[in-house]
Structures are given as structure tokens and as C-alpha cells.
PDB file of N, CA and C in Angstrom:
ATOM      1  N   MET A   1      11.659 -20.365  -5.471  1.00  0.00           N
ATOM      2  CA  MET A   1      10.965 -19.895  -6.250  1.00  0.00           C
ATOM      3  C   MET A   1       9.321 -19.602  -5.465  1.00  0.00           C
ATOM      4  N   SER A   2       8.551 -19.144  -5.852  1.00  0.00           N
ATOM      5  CA  SER A   2       7.720 -18.628  -5.428  1.00  0.00           C
ATOM      6  C   SER A   2       6.196 -18.586  -6.272  1.00  0.00           C
ATOM      7  N   THR A   3       5.223 -18.830  -5.245  1.00  0.00           N
ATOM      8  CA  THR A   3       4.101 -19.191  -5.586  1.00  0.00           C
ATOM      9  C   THR A   3       2.871 -18.731  -5.888  1.00  0.00           C
ATOM     10  N   LEU A   4       1.956 -17.564  -6.453  1.00  0.00           N
ATOM     11  CA  LEU A   4       1.474 -16.244  -6.719  1.00  0.00           C
ATOM     12  C   LEU A   4       0.306 -16.413  -7.185  1.00  0.00           C
ATOM     13  N   THR A   5      -0.822 -16.037  -6.344  1.00  0.00           N
ATOM     14  CA  THR A   5      -2.001 -15.871  -6.589  1.00  0.00           C
ATOM     15  C   THR A   5      -3.126 -15.019  -6.878  1.00  0.00           C
ATOM     16  N   ILE A   6      -3.122 -14.258  -8.498  1.00  0.00           N
ATOM     17  CA  ILE A   6      -3.492 -13.106  -8.702  1.00  0.00           C
ATOM     18  C   ILE A   6      -5.175 -13.078  -8.933  1.00  0.00           C
ATOM     19  N   ARG A   7      -5.710 -12.344  -8.470  1.00  0.00           N
ATOM     20  CA  ARG A   7      -6.789 -12.319  -9.508  1.00  0.00           C
ATOM     21  C   ARG A   7      -7.376 -11.996 -10.549  1.00  0.00           C
ATOM     22  N   ILE A   8      -7.842 -11.943 -11.302  1.00  0.00           N
ATOM     23  CA  ILE A   8      -7.931 -10.727 -13.069  1.00  0.00           C
ATOM     24  C   ILE A   8      -9.691 -11.210 -13.380  1.00  0.00           C
ATOM     25  N   PRO A   9      -9.555 -10.292 -13.966  1.00  0.00           N
ATOM     26  CA  PRO A   9     -11.182 -10.587 -14.903  1.00  0.00           C
ATOM     27  C   PRO A   9     -10.961 -11.941 -15.544  1.00  0.00           C
ATOM     28  N   ASP A  10     -12.529 -12.427 -15.466  1.00  0.00           N
ATOM     29  CA  ASP A  10     -11.748 -14.059 -16.011  1.00  0.00           C
ATOM     30  C   ASP A  10     -11.913 -13.452 -17.371  1.00  0.00           C
ATOM     31  N   GLU A  11     -12.290 -12.121 -18.426  1.00  0.00           N
ATOM     32  CA  GLU A  11     -12.418 -12.144 -19.877  1.00  0.00           C
ATOM     33  C   GLU A  11     -10.538 -11.581 -20.276  1.00  0.00           C
ATOM     34  N   LYS A  12     -10.288 -11.158 -19.188  1.00  0.00           N
ATOM     35  CA  LYS A  12      -8.491 -10.858 -19.465  1.00  0.00           C
ATOM     36  C   LYS A  12      -8.214 -11.885 -19.613  1.00  0.00           C
ATOM     37  N   TYR A  13      -8.248 -13.231 -18.654  1.00  0.00           N
ATOM     38  CA  TYR A  13      -7.787 -14.282 -18.587  1.00  0.00           C
ATOM     39  C   TYR A  13      -7.650 -14.734 -19.782  1.00  0.00           C
ATOM     40  N   GLU A  14      -8.798 -15.394 -20.100  1.00  0.00           N
ATOM     41  CA  GLU A  14      -9.262 -16.049 -21.498  1.00  0.00           C
ATOM     42  C   GLU A  14      -7.802 -15.609 -22.473  1.00  0.00           C
ATOM     43  N   ARG A  15      -8.387 -14.204 -22.895  1.00  0.00           N
ATOM     44  CA  ARG A  15      -7.293 -13.294 -23.639  1.00  0.00           C
ATOM     45  C   ARG A  15      -5.786 -13.418 -23.275  1.00  0.00           C
ATOM     46  N   LEU A  16      -5.805 -14.250 -22.184  1.00  0.00           N
ATOM     47  CA  LEU A  16      -3.932 -14.360 -21.615  1.00  0.00           C
ATOM     48  C   LEU A  16      -3.775 -15.628 -21.905  1.00  0.00           C
ATOM     49  N   LYS A  17      -4.175 -16.633 -21.965  1.00  0.00           N
ATOM     50  CA  LYS A  17      -4.575 -18.067 -22.230  1.00  0.00           C
ATOM     51  C   LYS A  17      -4.333 -18.313 -23.842  1.00  0.00           C
ATOM     52  N   GLU A  18      -5.187 -17.217 -24.208  1.00  0.00           N
ATOM     53  CA  GLU A  18      -5.825 -17.294 -26.080  1.00  0.00           C
ATOM     54  C   GLU A  18      -4.221 -17.405 -26.439  1.00  0.00           C
ATOM     55  N   TYR A  19      -3.398 -15.304 -26.274  1.00  0.00           N
ATOM     56  CA  TYR A  19      -2.199 -15.356 -26.398  1.00  0.00           C
ATOM     57  C   TYR A  19      -1.023 -16.225 -26.245  1.00  0.00           C
ATOM     58  N   ALA A  20      -1.006 -16.700 -24.755  1.00  0.00           N
ATOM     59  CA  ALA A  20       0.073 -17.851 -24.522  1.00  0.00           C
ATOM     60  C   ALA A  20      -0.029 -18.860 -25.675  1.00  0.00           C
ATOM     61  N   LYS A  21      -0.967 -19.536 -25.779  1.00  0.00           N
ATOM     62  CA  LYS A  21      -1.774 -20.868 -26.605  1.00  0.00           C
ATOM     63  C   LYS A  21      -0.961 -20.220 -28.185  1.00  0.00           C
ATOM     64  N   GLU A  22      -0.880 -19.178 -28.387  1.00  0.00           N
ATOM     65  CA  GLU A  22      -0.873 -18.711 -29.867  1.00  0.00           C
ATOM     66  C   GLU A  22       0.653 -18.381 -30.225  1.00  0.00           C
ATOM     67  N   HIS A  23       1.330 -18.229 -28.930  1.00  0.00           N
ATOM     68  CA  HIS A  23       2.968 -18.271 -29.179  1.00  0.00           C
ATOM     69  C   HIS A  23       3.177 -19.570 -28.163  1.00  0.00           C
ATOM     70  N   LYS A  24       2.621 -20.275 -28.406  1.00  0.00           N
ATOM     71  CA  LYS A  24       3.365 -22.139 -27.314  1.00  0.00           C
ATOM     72  C   LYS A  24       4.031 -21.454 -26.558  1.00  0.00           C
ATOM     73  N   ILE A  25       3.472 -21.152 -24.943  1.00  0.00           N
ATOM     74  CA  ILE A  25       4.115 -20.508 -24.323  1.00  0.00           C
ATOM     75  C   ILE A  25       3.195 -21.281 -23.098  1.00  0.00           C
ATOM     76  N   SER A  26       3.615 -21.356 -21.928  1.00  0.00           N
ATOM     77  CA  SER A  26       2.400 -21.464 -20.605  1.00  0.00           C
ATOM     78  C   SER A  26       2.624 -20.676 -20.553  1.00  0.00           C
ATOM     79  N   ILE A  27       1.042 -19.844 -19.615  1.00  0.00           N
ATOM     80  CA  ILE A  27       0.310 -19.013 -18.243  1.00  0.00           C
ATOM     81  C   ILE A  27       1.721 -18.538 -17.836  1.00  0.00           C
ATOM     82  N   ASN A  28       2.359 -19.351 -17.200  1.00  0.00           N
ATOM     83  CA  ASN A  28       3.581 -19.207 -16.455  1.00  0.00           C
ATOM     84  C   ASN A  28       4.881 -18.338 -16.837  1.00  0.00           C
ATOM     85  N   LYS A  29       4.863 -19.313 -18.207  1.00  0.00           N
ATOM     86  CA  LYS A  29       6.254 -18.640 -18.751  1.00  0.00           C
ATOM     87  C   LYS A  29       6.019 -16.634 -19.140  1.00  0.00           C
ATOM     88  N   LEU A  30       4.473 -16.845 -19.418  1.00  0.00           N
ATOM     89  CA  LEU A  30       3.599 -15.601 -19.571  1.00  0.00           C
ATOM     90  C   LEU A  30       4.155 -14.312 -19.319  1.00  0.00           C
ATOM     91  N   PHE A  31       3.733 -14.833 -17.418  1.00  0.00           N
ATOM     92  CA  PHE A  31       3.728 -13.795 -16.550  1.00  0.00           C
ATOM     93  C   PHE A  31       4.995 -13.649 -15.974  1.00  0.00           C
ATOM     94  N   ASN A  32       5.933 -14.528 -16.276  1.00  0.00           N
ATOM     95  CA  ASN A  32       7.669 -14.377 -15.881  1.00  0.00           C
ATOM     96  C   ASN A  32       7.998 -13.433 -16.856  1.00  0.00           C
ATOM     97  N   GLU A  33       7.501 -13.805 -18.239  1.00  0.00           N
ATOM     98  CA  GLU A  33       8.207 -12.845 -19.234  1.00  0.00           C
ATOM     99  C   GLU A  33       7.553 -12.003 -18.623  1.00  0.00           C
ATOM    100  N   LEU A  34       6.364 -11.264 -18.509  1.00  0.00           N
ATOM    101  CA  LEU A  34       5.745 -10.184 -18.204  1.00  0.00           C
ATOM    102  C   LEU A  34       6.588  -9.418 -17.036  1.00  0.00           C
ATOM    103  N   ALA A  35       7.279 -10.540 -16.591  1.00  0.00           N
ATOM    104  CA  ALA A  35       7.127  -9.821 -15.115  1.00  0.00           C
ATOM    105  C   ALA A  35       9.154  -8.996 -15.101  1.00  0.00           C
ATOM    106  N   THR A  36       9.653  -9.809 -15.917  1.00  0.00           N
ATOM    107  CA  THR A  36      11.011  -9.231 -16.403  1.00  0.00           C
ATOM    108  C   THR A  36      10.892  -7.858 -17.623  1.00  0.00           C
ATOM    109  N   THR A  37       9.859  -7.686 -18.294  1.00  0.00           N
ATOM    110  CA  THR A  37       9.834  -6.563 -18.303  1.00  0.00           C
ATOM    111  C   THR A  37       9.881  -5.626 -17.920  1.00  0.00           C
ATOM    112  N   VAL A  38       8.386  -6.168 -17.183  1.00  0.00           N
ATOM    113  CA  VAL A  38       7.838  -4.392 -15.979  1.00  0.00           C
ATOM    114  C   VAL A  38       9.238  -4.555 -15.397  1.00  0.00           C
ATOM    115  N   LEU A  39      10.343  -5.215 -14.728  1.00  0.00           N
ATOM    116  CA  LEU A  39      11.191  -5.071 -14.004  1.00  0.00           C
ATOM    117  C   LEU A  39      12.688  -4.314 -14.980  1.00  0.00           C
ATOM    118  N   ALA A  40      12.612  -4.809 -15.895  1.00  0.00           N
ATOM    119  CA  ALA A  40      13.526  -3.763 -16.855  1.00  0.00           C
ATOM    120  C   ALA A  40      13.570  -2.489 -17.057  1.00  0.00           C
ATOM    121  N   GLN A  41      12.048  -2.435 -17.470  1.00  0.00           N
ATOM    122  CA  GLN A  41      11.633  -1.139 -17.394  1.00  0.00           C
ATOM    123  C   GLN A  41      11.861  -0.291 -16.242  1.00  0.00           C
ATOM    124  N   TYR A  42      11.445  -0.532 -14.976  1.00  0.00           N
ATOM    125  CA  TYR A  42      11.590   0.161 -13.762  1.00  0.00           C
ATOM    126  C   TYR A  42      13.127   0.608 -13.721  1.00  0.00           C
ATOM    127  N   ASP A  43      13.958  -1.003 -13.873  1.00  0.00           N
ATOM    128  CA  ASP A  43      15.676  -0.854 -13.995  1.00  0.00           C
ATOM    129  C   ASP A  43      15.441   0.407 -14.395  1.00  0.00           C
ATOM    130  N   ALA A  44      15.392   1.060 -16.068  1.00  0.00           N
ATOM    131  CA  ALA A  44      15.809   1.983 -16.608  1.00  0.00           C
ATOM    132  C   ALA A  44      15.635   3.224 -16.384  1.00  0.00           C
ATOM    133  N   GLU A  45      14.288   3.091 -15.530  1.00  0.00           N
ATOM    134  CA  GLU A  45      13.554   4.287 -15.070  1.00  0.00           C
ATOM    135  C   GLU A  45      14.566   4.663 -13.876  1.00  0.00           C
ATOM    136  N   ILE A  46      14.782   3.757 -13.274  1.00  0.00           N
ATOM    137  CA  ILE A  46      15.541   4.170 -12.074  1.00  0.00           C
ATOM    138  C   ILE A  46      17.293   4.551 -12.770  1.00  0.00           C
ATOM    139  N   ARG A  47      17.390   3.976 -13.524  1.00  0.00           N
ATOM    140  CA  ARG A  47      19.337   4.674 -14.080  1.00  0.00           C
ATOM    141  C   ARG A  47      18.784   5.488 -14.506  1.00  0.00           C
ATOM    142  N   PHE A  48      18.601   6.363 -15.302  1.00  0.00           N
ATOM    143  CA  PHE A  48      17.590   7.361 -15.964  1.00  0.00           C
ATOM    144  C   PHE A  48      17.609   8.353 -14.774  1.00  0.00           C
ATOM    145  N   LYS A  49      17.039   8.245 -13.682  1.00  0.00           N
ATOM    146  CA  LYS A  49      16.672   8.801 -12.193  1.00  0.00           C
ATOM    147  C   LYS A  49      17.523   9.368 -11.875  1.00  0.00           C
ATOM    148  N   VAL A  50      18.806   8.030 -11.809  1.00  0.00           N
ATOM    149  CA  VAL A  50      20.028   8.838 -11.092  1.00  0.00           C
ATOM    150  C   VAL A  50      21.151   9.399 -11.916  1.00  0.00           C
ATOM    151  N   LEU A  51      21.540   8.811 -13.690  1.00  0.00           N
ATOM    152  CA  LEU A  51      21.754   9.879 -14.299  1.00  0.00           C
ATOM    153  C   LEU A  51      21.319  11.740 -14.338  1.00  0.00           C
ATOM    154  N   ALA A  52      20.284  11.809 -14.370  1.00  0.00           N
ATOM    155  CA  ALA A  52      19.252  13.383 -14.136  1.00  0.00           C
ATOM    156  C   ALA A  52      19.381  13.789 -13.449  1.00  0.00           C
ATOM    157  N   SER A  53      19.700  13.315 -11.968  1.00  0.00           N
ATOM    158  CA  SER A  53      20.320  14.277 -11.220  1.00  0.00           C
ATOM    159  C   SER A  53      21.637  14.510 -10.833  1.00  0.00           C
ATOM    160  N   LYS A  54      22.495  13.925 -11.521  1.00  0.00           N
ATOM    161  CA  LYS A  54      23.440  14.138 -11.215  1.00  0.00           C
ATOM    162  C   LYS A  54      23.984  14.913 -12.704  1.00  0.00           C
ATOM    163  N   GLY A  55      22.858  15.380 -13.619  1.00  0.00           N
ATOM    164  CA  GLY A  55      23.383  15.726 -15.015  1.00  0.00           C
ATOM    165  C   GLY A  55      23.253  17.256 -14.800  1.00  0.00           C
ATOM    166  N   ASP A  56      23.223  18.172 -15.719  1.00  0.00           N
ATOM    167  CA  ASP A  56      23.009  19.467 -15.839  1.00  0.00           C
ATOM    168  C   ASP A  56      21.232  20.213 -16.770  1.00  0.00           C
ATOM    169  N   VAL A  57      20.865  20.626 -15.639  1.00  0.00           N
ATOM    170  CA  VAL A  57      19.358  20.597 -16.457  1.00  0.00           C
ATOM    171  C   VAL A  57      19.251  21.342 -18.058  1.00  0.00           C
ATOM    172  N   LYS A  58      20.021  22.678 -17.720  1.00  0.00           N
ATOM    173  CA  LYS A  58      19.971  23.096 -19.253  1.00  0.00           C
ATOM    174  C   LYS A  58      19.941  22.206 -20.294  1.00  0.00           C
ATOM    175  N   LYS A  59      21.651  21.798 -19.922  1.00  0.00           N
ATOM    176  CA  LYS A  59      21.556  20.637 -21.597  1.00  0.00           C
ATOM    177  C   LYS A  59      21.061  19.227 -21.499  1.00  0.00           C
ATOM    178  N   GLY A  60      20.271  19.337 -20.687  1.00  0.00           N
ATOM    179  CA  GLY A  60      19.493  17.945 -20.788  1.00  0.00           C
ATOM    180  C   GLY A  60      18.120  18.590 -21.740  1.00  0.00           C
ATOM    181  N   LEU A  61      18.116  19.608 -21.506  1.00  0.00           N
ATOM    182  CA  LEU A  61      16.896  20.278 -22.365  1.00  0.00           C
ATOM    183  C   LEU A  61      17.407  20.582 -23.665  1.00  0.00           C
ATOM    184  N   LYS A  62      18.517  21.111 -23.703  1.00  0.00           N
ATOM    185  CA  LYS A  62      19.375  21.268 -25.493  1.00  0.00           C
ATOM    186  C   LYS A  62      18.692  19.731 -26.219  1.00  0.00           C
ATOM    187  N   LEU A  63      19.349  18.826 -25.405  1.00  0.00           N
ATOM    188  CA  LEU A  63      19.417  17.681 -26.529  1.00  0.00           C
ATOM    189  C   LEU A  63      18.285  16.800 -26.398  1.00  0.00           C
ATOM    190  N   LEU A  64      17.080  17.742 -25.674  1.00  0.00           N
ATOM    191  CA  LEU A  64      15.830  17.097 -26.033  1.00  0.00           C
ATOM    192  C   LEU A  64      15.233  17.942 -27.378  1.00  0.00           C
ATOM    193  N   ASP A  65      15.456  19.054 -26.947  1.00  0.00           N
ATOM    194  CA  ASP A  65      14.980  20.112 -28.345  1.00  0.00           C
ATOM    195  C   ASP A  65      15.758  19.582 -29.281  1.00  0.00           C
ATOM    196  N   LYS A  66      16.783  19.070 -29.498  1.00  0.00           N
ATOM    197  CA  LYS A  66      17.572  18.705 -30.990  1.00  0.00           C
ATOM    198  C   LYS A  66      16.816  17.719 -31.090  1.00  0.00           C
ATOM    199  N   LEU A  67      16.550  16.868 -30.489  1.00  0.00           N
ATOM    200  CA  LEU A  67      15.939  15.475 -30.790  1.00  0.00           C
ATOM    201  C   LEU A  67      13.768  15.429 -31.318  1.00  0.00           C
ATOM    202  N   ASP A  68      13.851  16.608 -30.583  1.00  0.00           N
ATOM    203  CA  ASP A  68      12.402  17.037 -31.198  1.00  0.00           C
ATOM    204  C   ASP A  68      12.244  17.851 -32.605  1.00  0.00           C
ATOM    205  N   GLU A  69      13.374  18.337 -32.762  1.00  0.00           N
ATOM    206  CA  GLU A  69      13.920  18.795 -34.105  1.00  0.00           C
ATOM    207  C   GLU A  69      14.242  17.809 -34.793  1.00  0.00           C
ATOM    208  N   LYS A  70      14.769  17.010 -34.395  1.00  0.00           N
ATOM    209  CA  LYS A  70      15.354  15.792 -36.064  1.00  0.00           C
ATOM    210  C   LYS A  70      13.664  14.565 -36.183  1.00  0.00           C
ATOM    211  N   LEU A  71      12.938  14.627 -34.801  1.00  0.00           N
ATOM    212  CA  LEU A  71      11.792  13.754 -35.190  1.00  0.00           C
ATOM    213  C   LEU A  71      10.767  14.266 -35.674  1.00  0.00           C
ATOM    214  N   GLN A  72      11.109  15.631 -36.080  1.00  0.00           N
ATOM    215  CA  GLN A  72       9.734  16.377 -37.181  1.00  0.00           C
ATOM    216  C   GLN A  72      10.109  16.996 -38.010  1.00  0.00           C
TER     217      GLN A  72
END
């Protein structure tokens, strides 16, 4: 396991401490959970880009248009 030192503004640190306290977790666990979330988003982005590079642009745009219609 690695140790990491970060610099953040005091104001932000205090807010993060408050958040962790309200959720009954340590700052360490909070940052671990934040890192997990960021990496999951990154992995999804990479998977999307790989799939998109193999896909049909016109077909993909038609699907997005359909989604836009349903959301309106």
C-alpha cells in the first residue's frame, strides 16, 4: 500500500473532514472511495472510446437522436 501526501486548501480540507465525519468514515477511506469512483469513470470512458472506434458513426448518431427524442 502506498502513502500519498496532497496539498489542498484548508477550507476544502475542513469540508472534506466534515463530510467524512457525517458519513462516519475516515478521510483515508473517503479518498480511497473518491479514487475508486474516478477510476471507474475513467475505465468506462476508455471502454466507450474503444467501442466507439469500432462502431458505425452514422448508426451511433441515429441512436443518439432517438435518445434525444425520448428525453424531450
